[in-house]
Amino acid sequence: MAQNTSMEEFEALLNESFDIDTPDEGSVVKGRVLAIEAGQAIVDVGYKMEGRVDLKEFAEPGQAPEINVGDEVEVYLRQVENARGEAVISHEMARREAAWDRLEKAYADENRVEGAIFGRVKGGFTVDLGGAVAFLPGSQVDVRPVRDAGPLMGLKQPFQILKMDRRRGNIVVSRRAILEESRAEQRAEVIGNLAEGQAVDGVVKNITEYGAFVDLGGVDGLLHVTDMAWRRVNHPSEIVTIGETIKVQVIKINKETHRISLGMKQLQDDPWDTVEAKFPLDSTHTGRVTNITDYGAFVELEPGVEGLVHVSEMSWTKKNVHPGKIVSTSQEVEVMVLEIDTQKRRVSLGLKQTMRNPWEIFAETHPEGTHVEGDVKNITEFGLFVGLDGDIDGMVHLSDISWDQRGEEAIQNYQKGDTVQAVVTEVDVEKERISLSIKALDDSFTEVTSGVKRGSIITVEVTAIEDGGIEVEYEGAKSFIRRSDLSRDRSEQRPERFGVGNKVDVRVTNVDQKTRRLGLSIKAREIAEEKEAVQQYGSSDSGASLGDILGAALKGDD
């Protein structure tokens, strides 16, 4: 019984010794190189366990392995025993584990780590960080894009860890962050020696659409295109070239971002100082069109001084036309100075003011009553617009198209492009309006009524019988006699007592040239005849009756 107990104790002690001496799988252990053969190192890792490691695991990227018999090395124990009874070990994995511990601490402390670029992969490069492999994105190699990374391969240099994930085995590093940091220190030193307003020499390093970058000795400043010259500059290449040394003024230094704004024009005389003296109000000058926009055109009066011709000041007649249809870039034009604002550095110019107002010219050359001819430009609900001399339009109102038809009917007889004749009835220069009349061309009414005046007795012919009266005609001129004017006697004021074709003597009560209407009345004629008879044959107090007087008058007529 006692013997069994001692045996169990012995086994327990033996197992305990195994646990103590045998390292755990998945741990890093120290070992000694026993031999080097067939490109491998045989390593004793203790407790009579040996394993093999490829010699290349002991080599730095691009270098020969440095390993000798007897050297103490760290290896990662992957498996205690394989099919051949050997331990499965890896020096590279041991380096990786140690490297990860070191790199995680550096990442936490935001310290730089040393490594060497050893391979090229999609989107960047691989970097050996002393056992762990990191990814260096192409954008993080340098401050500016690198076309050839060959000279950087294999060089020991510092990197900044941007991201790391041990579980996935991912590390992302940056070389650019290191360069920017040292560059920032250099920039801070150079900027410290610069002052706003200072004139310095610089070398043009790069040209863009909006300006040029100028090297001021380790730090770049931006020379914006608007600060290159007082005049308008379409592209920086008009003023500077890459590699050229230029004198610039420091306009602004941003202490936080270390950005420097530069100017060239600030070292030259400002042309705006003499604008008011050179370009007084209402004076005319020849300038060059530099730019055209939807709202007008910019005209350069002299280098550095531009004025705007607003679209409303471009043409007397072309109101809703894009400025590009009136002027073109680089065209020489004559303009008038309308307004100057030296504070805002603005000059308002006029193009149309250098030409006479076409409505004034038309008013002088076409007084009322003048006959004109033009093409129908447009037809609206108000009437016809007719093109006239001087590129202006006149309007024939609906009521001025025809004497015989309603305006809405008469306008149907016209189409765009028709050539029409008309008479000028009014010219309003201020409102830029010309009134025309087509019906005024027909002056037959004036001819017909030339001998007719108010009070005249004329003979007309009945052309139509209506409820309200009768329509009559006098030598082609139509008129209407209302029922109340058909007779002095109410019982005789019946239109039906007349027949079409009857000849009737009437008295003219009105001659309206505008409406081409004669005011006619039979009643007025009868009253006038009665008055005349009374005056001629006696008064009503002579004892003679009105019938006697009229009878005598009629006999006298016979």
Protein backbone atom coordinates (compact mmCIF):
# COMPACT_ATOMS: atom_id res chain seq x y z
CA MET A 1 0.00 0.00 0.00
CA ALA A 2 2.84 2.35 0.93
CA GLN A 3 4.68 1.39 -2.24
CA ASN A 4 1.68 2.42 -4.42
CA THR A 5 1.48 5.77 -2.72
CA SER A 6 5.12 6.54 -3.36
CA MET A 7 4.69 5.62 -7.02
CA GLU A 8 1.78 8.03 -7.40
CA GLU A 9 3.78 10.80 -5.72
CA PHE A 10 6.68 10.12 -8.06
CA GLU A 11 4.37 10.40 -11.12
CA ALA A 12 2.92 13.65 -9.83
CA LEU A 13 6.39 15.06 -9.27
CA LEU A 14 7.43 13.88 -12.73
CA ASN A 15 4.39 15.52 -14.37
CA GLU A 16 5.06 18.69 -12.39
CA SER A 17 8.61 18.76 -13.64
CA PHE A 18 7.30 18.35 -17.20
CA ASP A 19 4.99 21.32 -16.68
CA ILE A 20 7.87 23.39 -15.35
CA ASP A 21 10.45 22.50 -17.96
CA THR A 22 8.30 22.11 -21.07
CA PRO A 23 7.45 25.52 -22.54
CA ASP A 24 3.88 26.23 -23.70
CA GLU A 25 3.01 26.07 -27.37
CA GLY A 26 2.44 29.58 -28.73
CA SER A 27 5.13 31.20 -26.56
CA VAL A 28 8.53 32.74 -27.34
CA VAL A 29 11.47 30.77 -25.87
CA LYS A 30 15.24 31.05 -25.89
CA GLY A 31 17.27 28.38 -27.71
CA ARG A 32 20.85 27.63 -28.74
CA VAL A 33 22.06 26.88 -32.29
CA LEU A 34 23.46 23.32 -32.30
CA ALA A 35 24.28 23.05 -36.00
CA ILE A 36 23.76 24.63 -39.42
CA GLU A 37 23.00 22.27 -42.27
CA ALA A 38 21.04 22.24 -45.58
CA GLY A 39 20.09 25.92 -45.28
CA GLN A 40 18.62 25.43 -41.81
CA ALA A 41 19.69 26.05 -38.24
CA ILE A 42 19.07 23.26 -35.70
CA VAL A 43 18.08 24.90 -32.41
CA ASP A 44 17.92 23.31 -28.95
CA VAL A 45 15.00 24.84 -27.08
CA GLY A 46 15.54 22.90 -23.83
CA TYR A 47 14.22 19.67 -22.34
CA LYS A 48 15.89 17.74 -25.11
CA MET A 49 13.65 19.45 -27.72
CA GLU A 50 15.14 20.48 -31.01
CA GLY A 51 13.67 22.27 -33.98
CA ARG A 52 14.69 23.53 -37.39
CA VAL A 53 14.57 27.14 -38.66
CA ASP A 54 15.29 28.27 -42.24
CA LEU A 55 18.42 30.44 -42.32
CA LYS A 56 16.57 33.17 -44.28
CA GLU A 57 14.57 33.88 -41.11
CA PHE A 58 17.79 35.23 -39.57
CA ALA A 59 18.44 37.66 -42.48
CA GLU A 60 17.47 41.32 -42.68
CA PRO A 61 15.61 42.23 -45.95
CA GLY A 62 18.08 42.12 -48.81
CA GLN A 63 21.00 40.91 -46.64
CA ALA A 64 22.78 37.56 -45.88
CA PRO A 65 21.80 35.69 -42.67
CA GLU A 66 24.00 36.32 -39.65
CA ILE A 67 23.90 33.16 -37.53
CA ASN A 68 26.56 30.91 -36.05
CA VAL A 69 26.68 27.63 -34.07
CA GLY A 70 26.43 28.40 -30.38
CA ASP A 71 24.41 31.61 -30.85
CA GLU A 72 21.50 32.13 -28.48
CA VAL A 73 18.33 32.95 -30.39
CA GLU A 74 14.65 33.58 -29.63
CA VAL A 75 12.13 31.34 -31.37
CA TYR A 76 8.36 30.94 -31.34
CA LEU A 77 7.25 27.44 -30.28
CA ARG A 78 4.42 26.55 -32.60
CA GLN A 79 4.23 22.84 -31.74
CA VAL A 80 6.07 20.75 -29.07
CA GLU A 81 6.43 17.71 -31.31
CA ASN A 82 5.67 16.93 -34.93
CA ALA A 83 5.56 13.62 -36.77
CA ARG A 84 9.37 13.48 -36.81
CA GLY A 85 9.57 14.05 -33.09
CA GLU A 86 10.92 17.61 -33.55
CA ALA A 87 9.66 20.87 -32.15
CA VAL A 88 8.06 23.19 -34.75
CA ILE A 89 9.70 26.59 -34.19
CA SER A 90 10.05 29.96 -35.99
CA HIS A 91 12.56 32.74 -35.42
CA GLU A 92 10.55 35.11 -37.65
CA MET A 93 7.39 34.64 -35.60
CA ALA A 94 9.39 35.27 -32.43
CA ARG A 95 10.67 38.52 -33.93
CA ARG A 96 7.12 39.39 -34.96
CA GLU A 97 5.71 38.85 -31.45
CA ALA A 98 8.49 40.93 -29.91
CA ALA A 99 8.05 43.54 -32.60
CA TRP A 100 4.28 43.80 -31.99
CA ASP A 101 4.88 44.37 -28.26
CA ARG A 102 7.38 47.10 -29.05
CA LEU A 103 5.23 48.69 -31.79
CA GLU A 104 2.06 48.74 -29.66
CA LYS A 105 3.93 50.67 -26.99
CA ALA A 106 5.32 53.11 -29.59
CA TYR A 107 1.82 53.58 -31.07
CA ALA A 108 0.36 54.27 -27.63
CA ASP A 109 3.15 56.79 -26.87
CA GLU A 110 2.89 58.32 -30.40
CA ASN A 111 6.60 57.63 -30.94
CA ARG A 112 8.29 57.10 -34.28
CA VAL A 113 9.44 53.62 -35.24
CA GLU A 114 12.34 52.55 -37.46
CA GLY A 115 11.84 50.40 -40.51
CA ALA A 116 12.86 49.74 -44.10
CA ILE A 117 10.77 49.64 -47.28
CA PHE A 118 11.38 46.20 -48.83
CA GLY A 119 8.55 45.48 -51.27
CA ARG A 120 5.96 46.98 -53.60
CA VAL A 121 2.27 46.00 -53.36
CA LYS A 122 -0.97 47.31 -54.87
CA GLY A 123 -1.56 50.85 -53.62
CA GLY A 124 1.77 51.22 -51.81
CA PHE A 125 4.74 49.41 -50.24
CA THR A 126 5.63 46.90 -47.52
CA VAL A 127 7.82 48.01 -44.64
CA ASP A 128 9.79 45.76 -42.23
CA LEU A 129 9.52 47.24 -38.74
CA GLY A 130 12.05 44.83 -37.17
CA GLY A 131 9.96 41.69 -37.43
CA ALA A 132 6.46 43.01 -38.19
CA VAL A 133 5.40 43.90 -41.73
CA ALA A 134 3.49 47.17 -42.22
CA PHE A 135 1.69 48.72 -45.18
CA LEU A 136 2.86 52.14 -46.46
CA PRO A 137 0.17 53.70 -48.74
CA GLY A 138 1.52 55.44 -51.84
CA SER A 139 0.07 58.76 -50.66
CA GLN A 140 2.07 58.53 -47.40
CA VAL A 141 5.53 58.05 -48.97
CA ASP A 142 6.33 61.75 -49.42
CA VAL A 143 4.86 65.23 -49.21
CA ARG A 144 4.51 65.21 -53.00
CA PRO A 145 3.76 62.20 -55.23
CA VAL A 146 6.83 59.97 -55.72
CA ARG A 147 7.31 58.56 -59.23
CA ASP A 148 10.31 56.35 -58.41
CA ALA A 149 10.60 54.88 -54.90
CA GLY A 150 13.74 52.86 -55.84
CA PRO A 151 16.23 55.04 -53.92
CA LEU A 152 14.14 54.64 -50.74
CA MET A 153 14.10 50.80 -50.78
CA GLY A 154 16.07 49.06 -47.99
CA LEU A 155 16.97 52.31 -46.20
CA LYS A 156 16.55 52.39 -42.44
CA GLN A 157 14.35 55.40 -41.73
CA PRO A 158 11.71 56.60 -39.28
CA PHE A 159 7.95 56.03 -39.77
CA GLN A 160 4.83 57.09 -37.92
CA ILE A 161 2.22 54.40 -37.12
CA LEU A 162 -1.20 55.61 -38.34
CA LYS A 163 -3.22 52.49 -37.49
CA MET A 164 -2.64 49.00 -36.09
CA ASP A 165 -4.77 45.91 -35.38
CA ARG A 166 -2.84 42.99 -33.75
CA ARG A 167 -5.72 40.52 -34.06
CA ARG A 168 -5.83 41.00 -37.82
CA GLY A 169 -2.10 41.60 -38.13
CA ASN A 170 -2.56 45.00 -39.82
CA ILE A 171 -0.23 47.97 -39.45
CA VAL A 172 -0.39 51.15 -41.55
CA VAL A 173 2.54 53.59 -41.41
CA SER A 174 3.47 56.98 -42.88
CA ARG A 175 6.77 58.45 -43.95
CA ARG A 176 5.07 61.66 -45.07
CA ALA A 177 3.98 62.56 -41.51
CA ILE A 178 7.66 62.55 -40.42
CA LEU A 179 8.68 64.76 -43.37
CA GLU A 180 5.84 67.19 -42.72
CA GLU A 181 6.81 67.48 -39.09
CA SER A 182 10.43 68.35 -39.87
CA ARG A 183 9.20 70.60 -42.67
CA ALA A 184 6.89 72.34 -40.24
CA GLU A 185 9.82 73.04 -37.93
CA GLN A 186 11.78 74.46 -40.87
CA ARG A 187 8.75 76.51 -41.99
CA ALA A 188 8.29 77.91 -38.47
CA GLU A 189 11.89 79.09 -38.47
CA VAL A 190 11.62 80.78 -41.90
CA ILE A 191 8.22 82.29 -41.09
CA GLY A 192 9.63 83.66 -37.85
CA ASN A 193 12.02 85.79 -39.95
CA LEU A 194 9.25 87.17 -42.19
CA ALA A 195 6.98 90.14 -41.52
CA GLU A 196 3.82 91.38 -43.26
CA GLY A 197 4.63 94.21 -45.67
CA GLN A 198 8.21 92.97 -46.17
CA ALA A 199 9.57 92.72 -49.75
CA VAL A 200 11.46 89.48 -50.40
CA ASP A 201 12.90 87.52 -53.31
CA GLY A 202 11.46 84.12 -54.14
CA VAL A 203 11.65 81.42 -56.80
CA VAL A 204 8.50 80.34 -58.70
CA LYS A 205 8.09 76.62 -57.98
CA ASN A 206 4.68 75.83 -59.42
CA ILE A 207 1.94 77.52 -61.46
CA THR A 208 -1.77 76.74 -61.18
CA GLU A 209 -4.96 78.24 -62.63
CA TYR A 210 -5.37 80.50 -59.61
CA GLY A 211 -1.80 81.61 -58.95
CA ALA A 212 1.83 80.59 -58.38
CA PHE A 213 3.67 78.99 -55.46
CA VAL A 214 6.85 80.83 -54.59
CA ASP A 215 9.70 79.31 -52.53
CA LEU A 216 10.94 81.86 -49.99
CA GLY A 217 13.82 79.68 -48.82
CA GLY A 218 12.27 76.56 -47.33
CA VAL A 219 8.72 77.77 -47.14
CA ASP A 220 6.20 78.35 -49.93
CA GLY A 221 3.91 81.34 -50.31
CA LEU A 222 0.94 81.70 -52.63
CA LEU A 223 0.97 84.55 -55.12
CA HIS A 224 -2.68 84.73 -56.15
CA VAL A 225 -3.46 85.68 -59.76
CA THR A 226 -5.37 88.78 -58.58
CA ASP A 227 -2.25 90.05 -56.77
CA MET A 228 0.12 89.66 -59.73
CA ALA A 229 -0.76 92.92 -61.50
CA TRP A 230 -3.25 95.77 -61.24
CA ARG A 231 -4.65 94.74 -64.63
CA ARG A 232 -6.79 91.65 -65.25
CA VAL A 233 -4.62 88.53 -65.63
CA ASN A 234 -6.31 85.60 -67.35
CA HIS A 235 -3.62 83.06 -66.41
CA PRO A 236 -0.58 83.33 -64.08
CA SER A 237 1.71 82.15 -66.90
CA GLU A 238 1.20 85.60 -68.51
CA ILE A 239 3.23 87.12 -65.65
CA VAL A 240 5.61 84.47 -64.22
CA THR A 241 7.47 81.31 -65.30
CA ILE A 242 8.65 78.30 -63.26
CA GLY A 243 12.20 78.77 -61.95
CA GLU A 244 12.05 82.58 -62.27
CA THR A 245 13.26 84.69 -59.33
CA ILE A 246 10.74 87.43 -58.53
CA LYS A 247 10.36 90.18 -55.94
CA VAL A 248 7.19 89.89 -53.90
CA GLN A 249 5.62 91.51 -50.87
CA VAL A 250 4.41 89.49 -47.89
CA ILE A 251 0.73 90.44 -47.64
CA LYS A 252 -0.42 88.11 -44.87
CA ILE A 253 1.02 85.40 -42.63
CA ASN A 254 -1.39 82.98 -40.95
CA LYS A 255 0.38 81.97 -37.73
CA GLU A 256 -1.85 78.93 -37.21
CA THR A 257 -1.75 77.35 -40.67
CA HIS A 258 1.65 78.87 -41.61
CA ARG A 259 0.15 79.98 -44.91
CA ILE A 260 1.74 82.99 -46.56
CA SER A 261 -0.04 85.26 -49.05
CA LEU A 262 2.18 87.18 -51.47
CA GLY A 263 1.66 90.04 -53.90
CA MET A 264 3.55 91.62 -56.80
CA LYS A 265 1.24 94.50 -57.70
CA GLN A 266 1.62 95.92 -54.18
CA LEU A 267 5.19 96.90 -55.11
CA GLN A 268 3.88 99.01 -58.05
CA ASP A 269 1.95 102.31 -58.19
CA ASP A 270 -1.82 101.90 -57.81
CA PRO A 271 -3.48 103.24 -61.00
CA TRP A 272 -6.68 103.92 -59.01
CA ASP A 273 -4.96 106.85 -57.31
CA THR A 274 -5.34 108.91 -60.51
CA VAL A 275 -8.60 107.50 -61.94
CA GLU A 276 -10.82 110.51 -61.14
CA ALA A 277 -8.36 112.93 -62.74
CA LYS A 278 -7.81 110.81 -65.85
CA PHE A 279 -11.40 109.73 -66.42
CA PRO A 280 -13.83 112.53 -65.43
CA LEU A 281 -17.59 111.95 -65.53
CA ASP A 282 -19.25 112.14 -68.98
CA SER A 283 -15.87 111.93 -70.74
CA THR A 284 -15.52 109.40 -73.56
CA HIS A 285 -12.58 107.00 -73.97
CA THR A 286 -11.53 104.08 -76.11
CA GLY A 287 -11.11 100.84 -74.17
CA ARG A 288 -10.66 97.12 -74.77
CA VAL A 289 -13.28 94.51 -73.84
CA THR A 290 -11.58 92.10 -71.38
CA ASN A 291 -14.46 89.96 -70.16
CA ILE A 292 -18.12 89.35 -71.01
CA THR A 293 -20.73 88.16 -68.50
CA ASP A 294 -24.52 87.75 -68.47
CA TYR A 295 -24.91 91.17 -66.85
CA GLY A 296 -22.51 93.21 -68.99
CA ALA A 297 -18.98 93.62 -70.34
CA PHE A 298 -15.77 94.72 -68.63
CA VAL A 299 -13.74 97.30 -70.51
CA GLU A 300 -10.10 98.11 -69.68
CA LEU A 301 -9.50 101.86 -69.80
CA GLU A 302 -5.81 101.46 -68.93
CA PRO A 303 -3.76 98.63 -67.34
CA GLY A 304 -5.28 98.08 -63.90
CA VAL A 305 -8.43 100.13 -64.46
CA GLU A 306 -11.51 98.31 -65.69
CA GLY A 307 -15.07 99.54 -65.88
CA LEU A 308 -18.34 97.70 -66.30
CA VAL A 309 -20.73 98.46 -69.11
CA HIS A 310 -23.96 97.11 -67.63
CA VAL A 311 -26.22 95.30 -70.09
CA SER A 312 -28.78 98.13 -69.72
CA GLU A 313 -26.17 100.66 -70.96
CA MET A 314 -25.02 98.70 -74.00
CA SER A 315 -27.59 99.51 -76.66
CA TRP A 316 -30.55 101.83 -77.16
CA THR A 317 -32.47 99.18 -79.01
CA LYS A 318 -31.22 95.67 -78.06
CA LYS A 319 -32.83 95.33 -74.64
CA ASN A 320 -32.97 91.61 -73.92
CA VAL A 321 -29.84 90.49 -75.75
CA HIS A 322 -26.78 88.82 -74.21
CA PRO A 323 -23.80 91.25 -74.09
CA GLY A 324 -21.81 88.76 -76.20
CA LYS A 325 -24.15 89.52 -79.11
CA ILE A 326 -23.25 93.22 -78.96
CA VAL A 327 -19.48 93.18 -78.24
CA SER A 328 -16.71 90.57 -78.36
CA THR A 329 -13.64 89.99 -76.19
CA SER A 330 -10.58 92.12 -77.14
CA GLN A 331 -12.77 94.47 -79.21
CA GLU A 332 -11.88 98.17 -79.04
CA VAL A 333 -14.96 100.20 -78.07
CA GLU A 334 -15.78 103.82 -77.29
CA VAL A 335 -17.38 104.28 -73.87
CA MET A 336 -18.58 107.13 -71.65
CA VAL A 337 -17.76 107.38 -67.92
CA LEU A 338 -21.08 107.41 -66.02
CA GLU A 339 -19.96 106.93 -62.41
CA ILE A 340 -16.78 106.42 -60.37
CA ASP A 341 -16.57 104.84 -56.89
CA THR A 342 -12.94 104.97 -55.80
CA GLN A 343 -13.66 103.22 -52.48
CA LYS A 344 -15.17 100.20 -54.17
CA ARG A 345 -12.78 100.65 -57.12
CA ARG A 346 -15.66 100.62 -59.62
CA VAL A 347 -16.22 102.55 -62.80
CA SER A 348 -19.62 102.45 -64.49
CA LEU A 349 -19.41 102.91 -68.24
CA GLY A 350 -21.95 103.40 -71.00
CA LEU A 351 -21.69 102.21 -74.58
CA LYS A 352 -24.99 103.57 -75.90
CA GLN A 353 -24.24 107.07 -74.54
CA THR A 354 -21.54 107.48 -77.20
CA MET A 355 -24.27 107.21 -79.85
CA ARG A 356 -27.34 109.44 -80.34
CA ASN A 357 -30.67 108.25 -79.05
CA PRO A 358 -32.38 106.74 -82.15
CA TRP A 359 -35.80 107.90 -80.89
CA GLU A 360 -34.54 111.50 -80.86
CA ILE A 361 -33.24 111.12 -84.40
CA PHE A 362 -36.54 109.56 -85.52
CA ALA A 363 -38.56 112.36 -83.91
CA GLU A 364 -36.48 114.93 -85.80
CA THR A 365 -36.68 113.18 -89.15
CA HIS A 366 -40.24 111.83 -88.92
CA PRO A 367 -42.71 114.42 -87.61
CA GLU A 368 -46.36 113.44 -87.05
CA GLY A 369 -48.10 112.69 -90.33
CA THR A 370 -44.97 111.23 -91.99
CA HIS A 371 -45.57 108.11 -94.07
CA VAL A 372 -43.28 105.17 -93.15
CA GLU A 373 -42.75 101.61 -94.34
CA GLY A 374 -41.46 98.56 -92.44
CA ASP A 375 -41.80 94.84 -91.83
CA VAL A 376 -44.11 93.39 -89.17
CA LYS A 377 -41.69 92.23 -86.42
CA ASN A 378 -44.24 90.96 -83.95
CA ILE A 379 -48.00 90.55 -83.50
CA THR A 380 -49.50 90.86 -80.01
CA GLU A 381 -52.94 91.24 -78.49
CA PHE A 382 -52.41 95.03 -78.56
CA GLY A 383 -51.45 95.38 -82.19
CA LEU A 384 -48.60 95.17 -84.71
CA PHE A 385 -44.94 96.04 -84.08
CA VAL A 386 -43.30 97.41 -87.22
CA GLY A 387 -39.52 97.71 -87.75
CA LEU A 388 -38.39 101.27 -88.59
CA ASP A 389 -35.18 103.13 -89.43
CA GLY A 390 -32.54 103.14 -86.66
CA ASP A 391 -33.35 99.57 -85.57
CA ILE A 392 -36.40 100.71 -83.60
CA ASP A 393 -40.02 99.59 -83.63
CA GLY A 394 -43.29 101.44 -83.96
CA MET A 395 -46.65 100.08 -82.84
CA VAL A 396 -49.95 100.09 -84.73
CA HIS A 397 -52.65 99.73 -82.08
CA LEU A 398 -55.63 97.48 -82.83
CA SER A 399 -57.83 100.57 -83.13
CA ASP A 400 -55.50 102.08 -85.76
CA ILE A 401 -55.51 99.19 -88.24
CA SER A 402 -58.81 99.62 -90.08
CA TRP A 403 -61.77 101.99 -90.35
CA ASP A 404 -64.21 99.32 -91.41
CA GLN A 405 -63.24 96.27 -89.31
CA ARG A 406 -62.89 95.69 -85.60
CA GLY A 407 -59.22 95.58 -84.55
CA GLU A 408 -59.36 91.88 -83.57
CA GLU A 409 -60.64 91.04 -87.06
CA ALA A 410 -58.34 93.44 -88.95
CA ILE A 411 -55.16 92.09 -87.28
CA GLN A 412 -55.90 88.62 -88.71
CA ASN A 413 -54.98 90.01 -92.16
CA TYR A 414 -51.31 90.42 -91.15
CA GLN A 415 -48.41 88.02 -90.60
CA LYS A 416 -44.84 88.38 -89.33
CA GLY A 417 -42.58 89.61 -92.12
CA ASP A 418 -45.34 91.45 -94.02
CA THR A 419 -44.26 94.85 -95.32
CA VAL A 420 -46.74 97.53 -94.28
CA GLN A 421 -47.15 101.26 -94.72
CA ALA A 422 -48.35 103.52 -91.94
CA VAL A 423 -48.53 107.10 -90.75
CA VAL A 424 -46.60 108.41 -87.70
CA THR A 425 -49.17 109.68 -85.20
CA GLU A 426 -46.96 110.22 -82.11
CA VAL A 427 -43.29 109.96 -81.03
CA ASP A 428 -42.55 109.81 -77.26
CA VAL A 429 -38.74 109.98 -76.93
CA GLU A 430 -38.73 109.58 -73.15
CA LYS A 431 -40.87 106.44 -73.17
CA GLU A 432 -39.14 105.27 -76.39
CA ARG A 433 -42.53 104.78 -78.03
CA ILE A 434 -43.64 105.43 -81.60
CA SER A 435 -47.35 105.24 -82.44
CA LEU A 436 -48.32 104.41 -86.01
CA SER A 437 -51.62 104.20 -87.84
CA ILE A 438 -52.44 102.15 -90.93
CA LYS A 439 -55.99 103.40 -91.26
CA ALA A 440 -54.74 107.00 -91.34
CA LEU A 441 -53.33 106.21 -94.80
CA ASP A 442 -56.93 106.24 -96.08
CA ASP A 443 -57.76 109.99 -96.24
CA SER A 444 -60.75 109.60 -98.60
CA PHE A 445 -63.04 110.83 -95.80
CA THR A 446 -61.09 114.08 -95.67
CA GLU A 447 -61.45 114.49 -99.43
CA VAL A 448 -65.17 113.67 -99.36
CA THR A 449 -65.90 116.05 -96.50
CA SER A 450 -63.58 118.85 -97.62
CA GLY A 451 -66.56 121.03 -98.60
CA VAL A 452 -68.84 119.84 -95.83
CA LYS A 453 -69.05 121.67 -92.54
CA ARG A 454 -71.30 121.81 -89.56
CA GLY A 455 -74.72 123.21 -90.58
CA SER A 456 -74.42 122.13 -94.22
CA ILE A 457 -77.47 120.49 -95.83
CA ILE A 458 -76.46 117.44 -97.89
CA THR A 459 -78.36 114.70 -99.70
CA VAL A 460 -77.69 111.15 -98.56
CA GLU A 461 -78.86 107.73 -99.69
CA VAL A 462 -80.47 105.22 -97.29
CA THR A 463 -78.44 101.98 -97.26
CA ALA A 464 -80.01 100.06 -94.37
CA ILE A 465 -83.01 100.19 -92.02
CA GLU A 466 -82.50 99.23 -88.36
CA ASP A 467 -84.59 99.42 -85.17
CA GLY A 468 -82.50 102.24 -83.77
CA GLY A 469 -82.39 104.32 -86.95
CA ILE A 470 -81.19 104.28 -90.53
CA GLU A 471 -77.76 103.85 -92.12
CA VAL A 472 -76.97 106.34 -94.88
CA GLU A 473 -74.11 107.03 -97.25
CA TYR A 474 -72.66 110.26 -98.58
CA GLU A 475 -70.25 109.78 -101.48
CA GLY A 476 -68.90 106.55 -99.97
CA ALA A 477 -68.78 107.82 -96.39
CA LYS A 478 -71.19 105.88 -94.16
CA SER A 479 -73.15 107.44 -91.32
CA PHE A 480 -76.01 106.52 -89.01
CA ILE A 481 -79.05 108.65 -88.16
CA ARG A 482 -80.62 107.70 -84.87
CA ARG A 483 -84.38 107.26 -84.49
CA SER A 484 -84.68 110.52 -82.47
CA ASP A 485 -83.10 112.46 -85.35
CA LEU A 486 -85.41 111.06 -88.07
CA SER A 487 -88.09 113.76 -87.59
CA ARG A 488 -89.11 116.69 -85.51
CA ASP A 489 -92.49 115.04 -85.13
CA ARG A 490 -92.31 112.07 -82.70
CA SER A 491 -94.91 110.14 -84.67
CA GLU A 492 -92.70 110.36 -87.73
CA GLN A 493 -89.56 109.04 -85.97
CA ARG A 494 -90.13 105.60 -87.48
CA PRO A 495 -87.22 104.02 -89.42
CA GLU A 496 -89.65 101.82 -91.40
CA ARG A 497 -91.10 104.86 -93.18
CA PHE A 498 -87.82 104.99 -95.15
CA GLY A 499 -86.73 102.55 -97.81
CA VAL A 500 -83.27 101.47 -98.94
CA GLY A 501 -82.27 103.68 -101.87
CA ASN A 502 -84.35 106.69 -100.70
CA LYS A 503 -82.63 110.04 -101.08
CA VAL A 504 -82.96 112.20 -97.98
CA ASP A 505 -81.84 115.78 -97.26
CA VAL A 506 -80.09 116.03 -93.88
CA ARG A 507 -78.32 118.67 -91.82
CA VAL A 508 -74.64 118.07 -90.81
CA THR A 509 -74.32 118.34 -87.01
CA ASN A 510 -70.70 117.21 -86.71
CA VAL A 511 -67.64 116.30 -88.84
CA ASP A 512 -65.23 114.01 -86.89
CA GLN A 513 -62.07 113.38 -88.88
CA LYS A 514 -60.67 111.00 -86.25
CA THR A 515 -63.57 108.59 -86.27
CA ARG A 516 -64.39 109.36 -89.95
CA ARG A 517 -67.98 109.98 -88.96
CA LEU A 518 -70.53 112.59 -90.07
CA GLY A 519 -73.15 113.57 -87.51
CA LEU A 520 -76.42 113.88 -89.52
CA SER A 521 -80.01 114.79 -88.54
CA ILE A 522 -83.31 115.18 -90.44
CA LYS A 523 -84.86 116.71 -87.33
CA ALA A 524 -82.16 119.39 -87.21
CA ARG A 525 -82.77 120.16 -90.88
CA GLU A 526 -86.54 120.59 -90.27
CA ILE A 527 -85.95 122.87 -87.26
CA ALA A 528 -83.43 124.95 -89.23
CA GLU A 529 -85.84 125.30 -92.16
CA GLU A 530 -88.62 126.38 -89.82
CA LYS A 531 -86.44 129.03 -88.24
CA GLU A 532 -85.41 130.31 -91.63
CA ALA A 533 -89.03 130.48 -92.85
CA VAL A 534 -90.10 132.36 -89.77
CA GLN A 535 -87.31 134.87 -90.24
CA GLN A 536 -88.06 135.32 -93.93
CA TYR A 537 -91.84 135.44 -93.94
CA GLY A 538 -92.73 137.01 -90.65
CA SER A 539 -92.78 136.43 -86.98
CA SER A 540 -95.21 134.33 -85.07
CA ASP A 541 -96.80 137.45 -83.50
CA SER A 542 -97.90 138.88 -86.90
CA GLY A 543 -101.14 136.95 -86.71
CA ALA A 544 -100.19 134.54 -89.49
CA SER A 545 -100.22 130.90 -88.52
CA LEU A 546 -97.15 128.68 -88.81
CA GLY A 547 -98.98 126.80 -91.57
CA ASP A 548 -99.51 130.00 -93.53
CA ILE A 549 -95.82 130.88 -93.21
CA LEU A 550 -94.63 127.47 -94.26
CA GLY A 551 -97.13 127.43 -97.11
CA ALA A 552 -95.87 130.76 -98.31
CA ALA A 553 -92.30 129.55 -98.02
CA LEU A 554 -93.06 126.47 -100.03
CA LYS A 555 -94.79 128.51 -102.72
CA GLY A 556 -91.78 130.80 -102.78
CA ASP A 557 -89.57 127.71 -103.28
CA ASP A 558 -91.71 126.75 -106.24
